[in-house]
Amino acid sequence: MKIYCPVCFYKPKGSDRWVCHPGCGHMWHTFDTQGRCPHCTKQWRDTSCPACGIWSRHVAWYHDELPEREQETDKEIEVGNF
């Protein structure tokens, strides 16, 4: 599983922090808790990107890795090799 912004593809760093606001004001790394504030337990449906600032559904940040053969097939299609 890879985690990155669905808009700009930013990969969160371990040092990134989000603030529960409006809420309790607690700062934490939202991907450590799948978007739930560990202080007040508020579940955040959306997450803002530290890089582009756009809010997206929290679940949209989680991306399954394709099996190696599927990745190769996708690359072939992208570059036009048929």
PDB file of N, CA and C in Angstrom:
ATOM      1  N   MET A   1       0.857  -1.173   0.000  1.00  0.00           N
ATOM      2  CA  MET A   1       0.000   0.000   0.000  1.00  0.00           C
ATOM      3  C   MET A   1       0.903   1.236   0.000  1.00  0.00           C
ATOM      4  N   LYS A   2       0.635   2.138  -0.915  1.00  0.00           N
ATOM      5  CA  LYS A   2       1.352   3.405  -0.951  1.00  0.00           C
ATOM      6  C   LYS A   2       0.388   4.516  -0.580  1.00  0.00           C
ATOM      7  N   ILE A   3       0.916   5.547   0.057  1.00  0.00           N
ATOM      8  CA  ILE A   3       0.108   6.684   0.468  1.00  0.00           C
ATOM      9  C   ILE A   3       0.644   7.916  -0.250  1.00  0.00           C
ATOM     10  N   TYR A   4      -0.236   8.579  -1.005  1.00  0.00           N
ATOM     11  CA  TYR A   4       0.137   9.829  -1.665  1.00  0.00           C
ATOM     12  C   TYR A   4      -1.116  10.604  -2.048  1.00  0.00           C
ATOM     13  N   CYS A   5      -0.939  11.905  -2.230  1.00  0.00           N
ATOM     14  CA  CYS A   5      -2.041  12.797  -2.574  1.00  0.00           C
ATOM     15  C   CYS A   5      -2.645  12.377  -3.912  1.00  0.00           C
ATOM     16  N   PRO A   6      -3.969  12.227  -3.974  1.00  0.00           N
ATOM     17  CA  PRO A   6      -4.594  11.837  -5.226  1.00  0.00           C
ATOM     18  C   PRO A   6      -4.596  12.949  -6.276  1.00  0.00           C
ATOM     19  N   VAL A   7      -4.219  14.163  -5.879  1.00  0.00           N
ATOM     20  CA  VAL A   7      -4.198  15.287  -6.814  1.00  0.00           C
ATOM     21  C   VAL A   7      -2.790  15.548  -7.345  1.00  0.00           C
ATOM     22  N   CYS A   8      -1.822  15.749  -6.430  1.00  0.00           N
ATOM     23  CA  CYS A   8      -0.466  16.131  -6.864  1.00  0.00           C
ATOM     24  C   CYS A   8       0.567  15.025  -6.647  1.00  0.00           C
ATOM     25  N   PHE A   9       0.158  13.895  -6.063  1.00  0.00           N
ATOM     26  CA  PHE A   9       1.006  12.723  -5.835  1.00  0.00           C
ATOM     27  C   PHE A   9       2.073  12.929  -4.752  1.00  0.00           C
ATOM     28  N   TYR A  10       1.907  13.951  -3.905  1.00  0.00           N
ATOM     29  CA  TYR A  10       2.822  14.187  -2.792  1.00  0.00           C
ATOM     30  C   TYR A  10       2.769  13.003  -1.836  1.00  0.00           C
ATOM     31  N   LYS A  11       3.936  12.523  -1.426  1.00  0.00           N
ATOM     32  CA  LYS A  11       4.037  11.431  -0.451  1.00  0.00           C
ATOM     33  C   LYS A  11       4.316  12.043   0.918  1.00  0.00           C
ATOM     34  N   PRO A  12       3.415  11.851   1.891  1.00  0.00           N
ATOM     35  CA  PRO A  12       3.605  12.447   3.210  1.00  0.00           C
ATOM     36  C   PRO A  12       4.894  11.976   3.872  1.00  0.00           C
ATOM     37  N   LYS A  13       5.549  12.930   4.514  1.00  0.00           N
ATOM     38  CA  LYS A  13       6.773  12.639   5.271  1.00  0.00           C
ATOM     39  C   LYS A  13       6.394  12.332   6.715  1.00  0.00           C
ATOM     40  N   GLY A  14       7.265  11.652   7.399  1.00  0.00           N
ATOM     41  CA  GLY A  14       7.027  11.349   8.810  1.00  0.00           C
ATOM     42  C   GLY A  14       6.927  12.588   9.671  1.00  0.00           C
ATOM     43  N   SER A  15       7.523  13.683   9.212  1.00  0.00           N
ATOM     44  CA  SER A  15       7.505  14.932   9.978  1.00  0.00           C
ATOM     45  C   SER A  15       6.265  15.786   9.700  1.00  0.00           C
ATOM     46  N   ASP A  16       5.465  15.436   8.702  1.00  0.00           N
ATOM     47  CA  ASP A  16       4.240  16.201   8.412  1.00  0.00           C
ATOM     48  C   ASP A  16       3.253  16.069   9.560  1.00  0.00           C
ATOM     49  N   ARG A  17       2.528  17.143   9.819  1.00  0.00           N
ATOM     50  CA  ARG A  17       1.523  17.141  10.873  1.00  0.00           C
ATOM     51  C   ARG A  17       0.251  17.810  10.368  1.00  0.00           C
ATOM     52  N   TRP A  18      -0.888  17.311  10.850  1.00  0.00           N
ATOM     53  CA  TRP A  18      -2.194  17.882  10.559  1.00  0.00           C
ATOM     54  C   TRP A  18      -2.785  18.337  11.882  1.00  0.00           C
ATOM     55  N   VAL A  19      -3.676  19.322  11.831  1.00  0.00           N
ATOM     56  CA  VAL A  19      -4.288  19.877  13.041  1.00  0.00           C
ATOM     57  C   VAL A  19      -5.775  19.541  13.042  1.00  0.00           C
ATOM     58  N   CYS A  20      -6.254  19.090  14.166  1.00  0.00           N
ATOM     59  CA  CYS A  20      -7.675  18.810  14.334  1.00  0.00           C
ATOM     60  C   CYS A  20      -8.392  20.147  14.527  1.00  0.00           C
ATOM     61  N   HIS A  21      -8.770  20.752  13.397  1.00  0.00           N
ATOM     62  CA  HIS A  21      -9.419  22.066  13.433  1.00  0.00           C
ATOM     63  C   HIS A  21     -10.419  22.162  12.294  1.00  0.00           C
ATOM     64  N   PRO A  22     -11.691  22.397  12.510  1.00  0.00           N
ATOM     65  CA  PRO A  22     -12.236  22.607  13.848  1.00  0.00           C
ATOM     66  C   PRO A  22     -12.259  21.292  14.623  1.00  0.00           C
ATOM     67  N   GLY A  23     -12.004  21.411  15.847  1.00  0.00           N
ATOM     68  CA  GLY A  23     -11.928  20.238  16.730  1.00  0.00           C
ATOM     69  C   GLY A  23     -11.145  20.609  17.960  1.00  0.00           C
ATOM     70  N   CYS A  24     -10.310  19.689  18.411  1.00  0.00           N
ATOM     71  CA  CYS A  24      -9.605  19.879  19.680  1.00  0.00           C
ATOM     72  C   CYS A  24      -8.269  20.610  19.532  1.00  0.00           C
ATOM     73  N   GLY A  25      -7.792  20.816  18.289  1.00  0.00           N
ATOM     74  CA  GLY A  25      -6.533  21.530  18.078  1.00  0.00           C
ATOM     75  C   GLY A  25      -5.285  20.652  18.166  1.00  0.00           C
ATOM     76  N   HIS A  26      -5.461  19.369  18.375  1.00  0.00           N
ATOM     77  CA  HIS A  26      -4.333  18.439  18.483  1.00  0.00           C
ATOM     78  C   HIS A  26      -3.599  18.327  17.152  1.00  0.00           C
ATOM     79  N   MET A  27      -2.259  18.207  17.204  1.00  0.00           N
ATOM     80  CA  MET A  27      -1.451  18.000  16.009  1.00  0.00           C
ATOM     81  C   MET A  27      -0.940  16.566  15.995  1.00  0.00           C
ATOM     82  N   TRP A  28      -1.042  15.911  14.827  1.00  0.00           N
ATOM     83  CA  TRP A  28      -0.571  14.531  14.691  1.00  0.00           C
ATOM     84  C   TRP A  28      -0.397  14.203  13.220  1.00  0.00           C
ATOM     85  N   HIS A  29       0.156  13.036  12.961  1.00  0.00           N
ATOM     86  CA  HIS A  29       0.320  12.567  11.582  1.00  0.00           C
ATOM     87  C   HIS A  29      -0.918  11.742  11.241  1.00  0.00           C
ATOM     88  N   THR A  30      -1.760  12.288  10.392  1.00  0.00           N
ATOM     89  CA  THR A  30      -3.069  11.697  10.122  1.00  0.00           C
ATOM     90  C   THR A  30      -3.011  10.281   9.557  1.00  0.00           C
ATOM     91  N   PHE A  31      -1.919   9.928   8.891  1.00  0.00           N
ATOM     92  CA  PHE A  31      -1.841   8.584   8.315  1.00  0.00           C
ATOM     93  C   PHE A  31      -1.383   7.533   9.323  1.00  0.00           C
ATOM     94  N   ASP A  32      -0.971   7.970  10.503  1.00  0.00           N
ATOM     95  CA  ASP A  32      -0.678   7.033  11.588  1.00  0.00           C
ATOM     96  C   ASP A  32      -1.969   6.455  12.166  1.00  0.00           C
ATOM     97  N   THR A  33      -3.075   7.197  11.984  1.00  0.00           N
ATOM     98  CA  THR A  33      -4.343   6.804  12.614  1.00  0.00           C
ATOM     99  C   THR A  33      -5.489   6.702  11.612  1.00  0.00           C
ATOM    100  N   GLN A  34      -5.169   6.665  10.337  1.00  0.00           N
ATOM    101  CA  GLN A  34      -6.176   6.589   9.275  1.00  0.00           C
ATOM    102  C   GLN A  34      -7.207   7.705   9.385  1.00  0.00           C
ATOM    103  N   GLY A  35      -6.716   8.908   9.708  1.00  0.00           N
ATOM    104  CA  GLY A  35      -7.574  10.086   9.728  1.00  0.00           C
ATOM    105  C   GLY A  35      -8.349  10.315  11.011  1.00  0.00           C
ATOM    106  N   ARG A  36      -8.077   9.573  12.055  1.00  0.00           N
ATOM    107  CA  ARG A  36      -8.786   9.766  13.329  1.00  0.00           C
ATOM    108  C   ARG A  36      -7.877  10.494  14.306  1.00  0.00           C
ATOM    109  N   CYS A  37      -8.369  11.605  14.856  1.00  0.00           N
ATOM    110  CA  CYS A  37      -7.594  12.354  15.840  1.00  0.00           C
ATOM    111  C   CYS A  37      -7.401  11.485  17.083  1.00  0.00           C
ATOM    112  N   PRO A  38      -6.151  11.261  17.496  1.00  0.00           N
ATOM    113  CA  PRO A  38      -5.913  10.412  18.664  1.00  0.00           C
ATOM    114  C   PRO A  38      -6.286  11.085  19.983  1.00  0.00           C
ATOM    115  N   HIS A  39      -6.529  12.391  19.953  1.00  0.00           N
ATOM    116  CA  HIS A  39      -6.863  13.096  21.195  1.00  0.00           C
ATOM    117  C   HIS A  39      -8.366  13.104  21.459  1.00  0.00           C
ATOM    118  N   CYS A  40      -9.160  13.487  20.443  1.00  0.00           N
ATOM    119  CA  CYS A  40     -10.613  13.591  20.656  1.00  0.00           C
ATOM    120  C   CYS A  40     -11.401  12.530  19.892  1.00  0.00           C
ATOM    121  N   THR A  41     -10.745  11.709  19.099  1.00  0.00           N
ATOM    122  CA  THR A  41     -11.292  10.621  18.284  1.00  0.00           C
ATOM    123  C   THR A  41     -12.161  11.084  17.114  1.00  0.00           C
ATOM    124  N   LYS A  42     -12.100  12.367  16.760  1.00  0.00           N
ATOM    125  CA  LYS A  42     -12.844  12.833  15.584  1.00  0.00           C
ATOM    126  C   LYS A  42     -12.290  12.126  14.347  1.00  0.00           C
ATOM    127  N   GLN A  43     -13.182  11.568  13.538  1.00  0.00           N
ATOM    128  CA  GLN A  43     -12.782  10.907  12.295  1.00  0.00           C
ATOM    129  C   GLN A  43     -12.873  11.926  11.156  1.00  0.00           C
ATOM    130  N   TRP A  44     -11.736  12.177  10.530  1.00  0.00           N
ATOM    131  CA  TRP A  44     -11.696  13.119   9.416  1.00  0.00           C
ATOM    132  C   TRP A  44     -11.988  12.378   8.117  1.00  0.00           C
ATOM    133  N   ARG A  45     -13.028  12.812   7.430  1.00  0.00           N
ATOM    134  CA  ARG A  45     -13.401  12.213   6.148  1.00  0.00           C
ATOM    135  C   ARG A  45     -12.479  12.702   5.038  1.00  0.00           C
ATOM    136  N   ASP A  46     -12.051  13.954   5.142  1.00  0.00           N
ATOM    137  CA  ASP A  46     -11.182  14.573   4.143  1.00  0.00           C
ATOM    138  C   ASP A  46      -9.845  14.945   4.762  1.00  0.00           C
ATOM    139  N   THR A  47      -8.809  14.998   3.918  1.00  0.00           N
ATOM    140  CA  THR A  47      -7.458  15.336   4.349  1.00  0.00           C
ATOM    141  C   THR A  47      -6.880  16.366   3.392  1.00  0.00           C
ATOM    142  N   SER A  48      -6.242  17.398   3.934  1.00  0.00           N
ATOM    143  CA  SER A  48      -5.604  18.406   3.078  1.00  0.00           C
ATOM    144  C   SER A  48      -4.163  17.994   2.802  1.00  0.00           C
ATOM    145  N   CYS A  49      -3.712  18.321   1.607  1.00  0.00           N
ATOM    146  CA  CYS A  49      -2.342  17.991   1.216  1.00  0.00           C
ATOM    147  C   CYS A  49      -1.402  19.109   1.645  1.00  0.00           C
ATOM    148  N   PRO A  50      -0.306  18.787   2.335  1.00  0.00           N
ATOM    149  CA  PRO A  50       0.659  19.816   2.729  1.00  0.00           C
ATOM    150  C   PRO A  50       1.337  20.482   1.530  1.00  0.00           C
ATOM    151  N   ALA A  51       1.370  19.804   0.391  1.00  0.00           N
ATOM    152  CA  ALA A  51       2.055  20.350  -0.784  1.00  0.00           C
ATOM    153  C   ALA A  51       1.137  21.231  -1.639  1.00  0.00           C
ATOM    154  N   CYS A  52      -0.017  20.705  -2.051  1.00  0.00           N
ATOM    155  CA  CYS A  52      -0.891  21.470  -2.959  1.00  0.00           C
ATOM    156  C   CYS A  52      -2.035  22.172  -2.240  1.00  0.00           C
ATOM    157  N   GLY A  53      -2.319  21.785  -0.986  1.00  0.00           N
ATOM    158  CA  GLY A  53      -3.364  22.431  -0.208  1.00  0.00           C
ATOM    159  C   GLY A  53      -4.781  21.985  -0.532  1.00  0.00           C
ATOM    160  N   ILE A  54      -4.949  21.057  -1.460  1.00  0.00           N
ATOM    161  CA  ILE A  54      -6.280  20.605  -1.854  1.00  0.00           C
ATOM    162  C   ILE A  54      -6.758  19.515  -0.898  1.00  0.00           C
ATOM    163  N   TRP A  55      -8.054  19.606  -0.536  1.00  0.00           N
ATOM    164  CA  TRP A  55      -8.678  18.609   0.327  1.00  0.00           C
ATOM    165  C   TRP A  55      -9.204  17.471  -0.536  1.00  0.00           C
ATOM    166  N   SER A  56      -8.949  16.238  -0.126  1.00  0.00           N
ATOM    167  CA  SER A  56      -9.444  15.045  -0.811  1.00  0.00           C
ATOM    168  C   SER A  56      -9.960  14.071   0.237  1.00  0.00           C
ATOM    169  N   ARG A  57     -10.780  13.137  -0.183  1.00  0.00           N
ATOM    170  CA  ARG A  57     -11.223  12.079   0.723  1.00  0.00           C
ATOM    171  C   ARG A  57      -9.995  11.378   1.283  1.00  0.00           C
ATOM    172  N   HIS A  58     -10.007  11.146   2.573  1.00  0.00           N
ATOM    173  CA  HIS A  58      -8.854  10.502   3.205  1.00  0.00           C
ATOM    174  C   HIS A  58      -8.567   9.143   2.560  1.00  0.00           C
ATOM    175  N   VAL A  59      -9.594   8.373   2.282  1.00  0.00           N
ATOM    176  CA  VAL A  59      -9.393   7.040   1.697  1.00  0.00           C
ATOM    177  C   VAL A  59      -8.775   7.112   0.303  1.00  0.00           C
ATOM    178  N   ALA A  60      -8.901   8.238  -0.388  1.00  0.00           N
ATOM    179  CA  ALA A  60      -8.335   8.380  -1.736  1.00  0.00           C
ATOM    180  C   ALA A  60      -6.810   8.477  -1.718  1.00  0.00           C
ATOM    181  N   TRP A  61      -6.224   8.691  -0.549  1.00  0.00           N
ATOM    182  CA  TRP A  61      -4.765   8.767  -0.418  1.00  0.00           C
ATOM    183  C   TRP A  61      -4.111   7.389  -0.423  1.00  0.00           C
ATOM    184  N   TYR A  62      -4.877   6.341  -0.186  1.00  0.00           N
ATOM    185  CA  TYR A  62      -4.332   4.987  -0.092  1.00  0.00           C
ATOM    186  C   TYR A  62      -4.424   4.309  -1.455  1.00  0.00           C
ATOM    187  N   HIS A  63      -3.290   3.843  -1.951  1.00  0.00           N
ATOM    188  CA  HIS A  63      -3.233   3.252  -3.287  1.00  0.00           C
ATOM    189  C   HIS A  63      -2.618   1.857  -3.205  1.00  0.00           C
ATOM    190  N   ASP A  64      -3.347   0.886  -3.720  1.00  0.00           N
ATOM    191  CA  ASP A  64      -2.818  -0.479  -3.792  1.00  0.00           C
ATOM    192  C   ASP A  64      -1.723  -0.519  -4.838  1.00  0.00           C
ATOM    193  N   GLU A  65      -0.699  -1.270  -4.542  1.00  0.00           N
ATOM    194  CA  GLU A  65       0.372  -1.468  -5.516  1.00  0.00           C
ATOM    195  C   GLU A  65      -0.070  -2.542  -6.488  1.00  0.00           C
ATOM    196  N   LEU A  66       0.182  -2.314  -7.757  1.00  0.00           N
ATOM    197  CA  LEU A  66      -0.144  -3.304  -8.768  1.00  0.00           C
ATOM    198  C   LEU A  66       0.912  -4.404  -8.762  1.00  0.00           C
ATOM    199  N   PRO A  67       0.522  -5.619  -9.049  1.00  0.00           N
ATOM    200  CA  PRO A  67       1.531  -6.669  -9.218  1.00  0.00           C
ATOM    201  C   PRO A  67       2.509  -6.259 -10.323  1.00  0.00           C
ATOM    202  N   GLU A  68       3.741  -6.732 -10.234  1.00  0.00           N
ATOM    203  CA  GLU A  68       4.805  -6.313 -11.147  1.00  0.00           C
ATOM    204  C   GLU A  68       4.411  -6.450 -12.617  1.00  0.00           C
ATOM    205  N   ARG A  69       3.780  -7.537 -13.012  1.00  0.00           N
ATOM    206  CA  ARG A  69       3.415  -7.745 -14.420  1.00  0.00           C
ATOM    207  C   ARG A  69       2.401  -6.695 -14.871  1.00  0.00           C
ATOM    208  N   GLU A  70       1.436  -6.333 -14.031  1.00  0.00           N
ATOM    209  CA  GLU A  70       0.454  -5.311 -14.390  1.00  0.00           C
ATOM    210  C   GLU A  70       1.130  -3.963 -14.573  1.00  0.00           C
ATOM    211  N   GLN A  71       2.138  -3.641 -13.751  1.00  0.00           N
ATOM    212  CA  GLN A  71       2.857  -2.387 -13.891  1.00  0.00           C
ATOM    213  C   GLN A  71       3.563  -2.340 -15.237  1.00  0.00           C
ATOM    214  N   GLU A  72       4.174  -3.457 -15.647  1.00  0.00           N
ATOM    215  CA  GLU A  72       4.857  -3.503 -16.930  1.00  0.00           C
ATOM    216  C   GLU A  72       3.870  -3.299 -18.070  1.00  0.00           C
ATOM    217  N   THR A  73       2.708  -3.919 -17.982  1.00  0.00           N
ATOM    218  CA  THR A  73       1.688  -3.772 -19.015  1.00  0.00           C
ATOM    219  C   THR A  73       1.223  -2.327 -19.090  1.00  0.00           C
ATOM    220  N   ASP A  74       1.017  -1.684 -17.943  1.00  0.00           N
ATOM    221  CA  ASP A  74       0.599  -0.287 -17.926  1.00  0.00           C
ATOM    222  C   ASP A  74       1.655   0.593 -18.577  1.00  0.00           C
ATOM    223  N   LYS A  75       2.937   0.342 -18.287  1.00  0.00           N
ATOM    224  CA  LYS A  75       4.019   1.126 -18.892  1.00  0.00           C
ATOM    225  C   LYS A  75       4.011   0.963 -20.407  1.00  0.00           C
ATOM    226  N   GLU A  76       3.809  -0.260 -20.883  1.00  0.00           N
ATOM    227  CA  GLU A  76       3.807  -0.503 -22.320  1.00  0.00           C
ATOM    228  C   GLU A  76       2.687   0.280 -22.980  1.00  0.00           C
ATOM    229  N   ILE A  77       1.523   0.318 -22.345  1.00  0.00           N
ATOM    230  CA  ILE A  77       0.388   1.050 -22.905  1.00  0.00           C
ATOM    231  C   ILE A  77       0.669   2.551 -22.895  1.00  0.00           C
ATOM    232  N   GLU A  78       1.229   3.053 -21.791  1.00  0.00           N
ATOM    233  CA  GLU A  78       1.503   4.484 -21.679  1.00  0.00           C
ATOM    234  C   GLU A  78       2.444   4.985 -22.752  1.00  0.00           C
ATOM    235  N   VAL A  79       3.469   4.210 -23.097  1.00  0.00           N
ATOM    236  CA  VAL A  79       4.445   4.667 -24.075  1.00  0.00           C
ATOM    237  C   VAL A  79       4.081   4.249 -25.489  1.00  0.00           C
ATOM    238  N   GLY A  80       2.967   3.562 -25.649  1.00  0.00           N
ATOM    239  CA  GLY A  80       2.479   3.213 -26.964  1.00  0.00           C
ATOM    240  C   GLY A  80       3.087   1.966 -27.553  1.00  0.00           C
ATOM    241  N   ASN A  81       3.688   1.123 -26.762  1.00  0.00           N
ATOM    242  CA  ASN A  81       4.254  -0.130 -27.253  1.00  0.00           C
ATOM    243  C   ASN A  81       3.180  -1.205 -27.214  1.00  0.00           C
ATOM    244  N   PHE A  82       2.735  -1.653 -28.330  1.00  0.00           N
ATOM    245  CA  PHE A  82       1.662  -2.657 -28.364  1.00  0.00           C
ATOM    246  C   PHE A  82       2.170  -3.960 -28.905  1.00  0.00           C
TER     247      PHE A  82
END
